Amino acid sequence: MPNPKRRHSQQRSAKRRTHYKATASTLTTDSTTGEIHVRHRAHVSEGKLFYKGKVVAEKSPVKK
């Protein structure tokens, strides 16, 4: 397997990484609850877990 003969500089590595940019996550409004949430992720509203506009799980009351 070929290996580099000399060490690459830090500047050279930084040039390669310049194309990666941070992007803001896409938000959407849930049709059922009307809350804003990150797309393709489950979200909690009023103690219930929603995904694709349907209740996936409900928070059970704490038992002592």
C-alpha atoms as a PDB file:
ATOM      1  CA  MET A   1       0.000   0.000   0.000  1.00  0.00           C
ATOM      2  CA  PRO A   2       1.522   3.377  -0.955  1.00  0.00           C
ATOM      3  CA  ASN A   3       2.505   5.754   1.837  1.00  0.00           C
ATOM      4  CA  PRO A   4       3.434   9.437   1.603  1.00  0.00           C
ATOM      5  CA  LYS A   5       7.169  10.092   1.434  1.00  0.00           C
ATOM      6  CA  ARG A   6       6.884  13.355   3.386  1.00  0.00           C
ATOM      7  CA  ARG A   7       4.423  14.723   5.927  1.00  0.00           C
ATOM      8  CA  HIS A   8       1.563  16.857   4.589  1.00  0.00           C
ATOM      9  CA  SER A   9       1.333  20.350   6.036  1.00  0.00           C
ATOM     10  CA  GLN A  10      -1.557  21.494   8.224  1.00  0.00           C
ATOM     11  CA  GLN A  11      -2.496  24.045   5.579  1.00  0.00           C
ATOM     12  CA  ARG A  12      -2.896  21.293   3.027  1.00  0.00           C
ATOM     13  CA  SER A  13      -5.284  19.393   5.327  1.00  0.00           C
ATOM     14  CA  ALA A  14      -7.249  22.583   6.018  1.00  0.00           C
ATOM     15  CA  LYS A  15      -7.693  23.208   2.280  1.00  0.00           C
ATOM     16  CA  ARG A  16      -9.267  19.808   1.913  1.00  0.00           C
ATOM     17  CA  ARG A  17     -11.713  20.469   4.760  1.00  0.00           C
ATOM     18  CA  THR A  18     -12.950  23.883   3.580  1.00  0.00           C
ATOM     19  CA  HIS A  19     -15.823  22.412   1.602  1.00  0.00           C
ATOM     20  CA  TYR A  20     -17.665  21.127   4.678  1.00  0.00           C
ATOM     21  CA  LYS A  21     -20.141  23.693   5.975  1.00  0.00           C
ATOM     22  CA  ALA A  22     -22.546  23.668   8.887  1.00  0.00           C
ATOM     23  CA  THR A  23     -26.175  23.918   7.780  1.00  0.00           C
ATOM     24  CA  ALA A  24     -29.257  24.774   9.782  1.00  0.00           C
ATOM     25  CA  SER A  25     -31.631  21.880  10.348  1.00  0.00           C
ATOM     26  CA  THR A  26     -34.936  21.993   8.470  1.00  0.00           C
ATOM     27  CA  LEU A  27     -37.961  22.679  10.645  1.00  0.00           C
ATOM     28  CA  THR A  28     -41.574  21.846   9.934  1.00  0.00           C
ATOM     29  CA  THR A  29     -44.950  22.360  11.603  1.00  0.00           C
ATOM     30  CA  ASP A  30     -46.814  19.275  12.783  1.00  0.00           C
ATOM     31  CA  SER A  31     -50.306  19.107  11.306  1.00  0.00           C
ATOM     32  CA  THR A  32     -51.781  17.420  14.396  1.00  0.00           C
ATOM     33  CA  THR A  33     -50.312  19.509  17.228  1.00  0.00           C
ATOM     34  CA  GLY A  34     -49.225  22.628  15.351  1.00  0.00           C
ATOM     35  CA  GLU A  35     -45.772  22.560  16.973  1.00  0.00           C
ATOM     36  CA  ILE A  36     -42.526  23.259  15.155  1.00  0.00           C
ATOM     37  CA  HIS A  37     -40.026  20.373  15.186  1.00  0.00           C
ATOM     38  CA  VAL A  38     -37.048  18.952  13.301  1.00  0.00           C
ATOM     39  CA  ARG A  39     -38.096  16.962  10.229  1.00  0.00           C
ATOM     40  CA  HIS A  40     -37.998  13.151  10.373  1.00  0.00           C
ATOM     41  CA  ARG A  41     -37.630  13.123  14.160  1.00  0.00           C
ATOM     42  CA  ALA A  42     -40.128  12.233  16.875  1.00  0.00           C
ATOM     43  CA  HIS A  43     -41.115  15.116  19.174  1.00  0.00           C
ATOM     44  CA  VAL A  44     -42.846  15.443  22.561  1.00  0.00           C
ATOM     45  CA  SER A  45     -46.018  17.483  22.893  1.00  0.00           C
ATOM     46  CA  GLU A  46     -48.216  17.555  26.025  1.00  0.00           C
ATOM     47  CA  GLY A  47     -46.525  14.445  27.428  1.00  0.00           C
ATOM     48  CA  LYS A  48     -47.053  12.397  24.254  1.00  0.00           C
ATOM     49  CA  LEU A  49     -44.460  11.330  21.701  1.00  0.00           C
ATOM     50  CA  PHE A  50     -45.518  12.124  18.128  1.00  0.00           C
ATOM     51  CA  TYR A  51     -44.039  10.889  14.833  1.00  0.00           C
ATOM     52  CA  LYS A  52     -45.564  11.560  11.407  1.00  0.00           C
ATOM     53  CA  GLY A  53     -48.629  13.126  13.074  1.00  0.00           C
ATOM     54  CA  LYS A  54     -49.447  10.009  15.106  1.00  0.00           C
ATOM     55  CA  VAL A  55     -49.023   9.237  18.812  1.00  0.00           C
ATOM     56  CA  VAL A  56     -46.170   6.774  19.210  1.00  0.00           C
ATOM     57  CA  ALA A  57     -45.999   6.661  23.017  1.00  0.00           C
ATOM     58  CA  GLU A  58     -47.711   8.295  25.969  1.00  0.00           C
ATOM     59  CA  LYS A  59     -46.026   9.259  29.193  1.00  0.00           C
ATOM     60  CA  SER A  60     -47.372   7.115  32.009  1.00  0.00           C
ATOM     61  CA  PRO A  61     -48.009   8.689  35.431  1.00  0.00           C
ATOM     62  CA  VAL A  62     -45.234   8.244  37.984  1.00  0.00           C
ATOM     63  CA  LYS A  63     -46.027   5.459  40.477  1.00  0.00           C
ATOM     64  CA  LYS A  64     -44.790   5.646  44.055  1.00  0.00           C
END
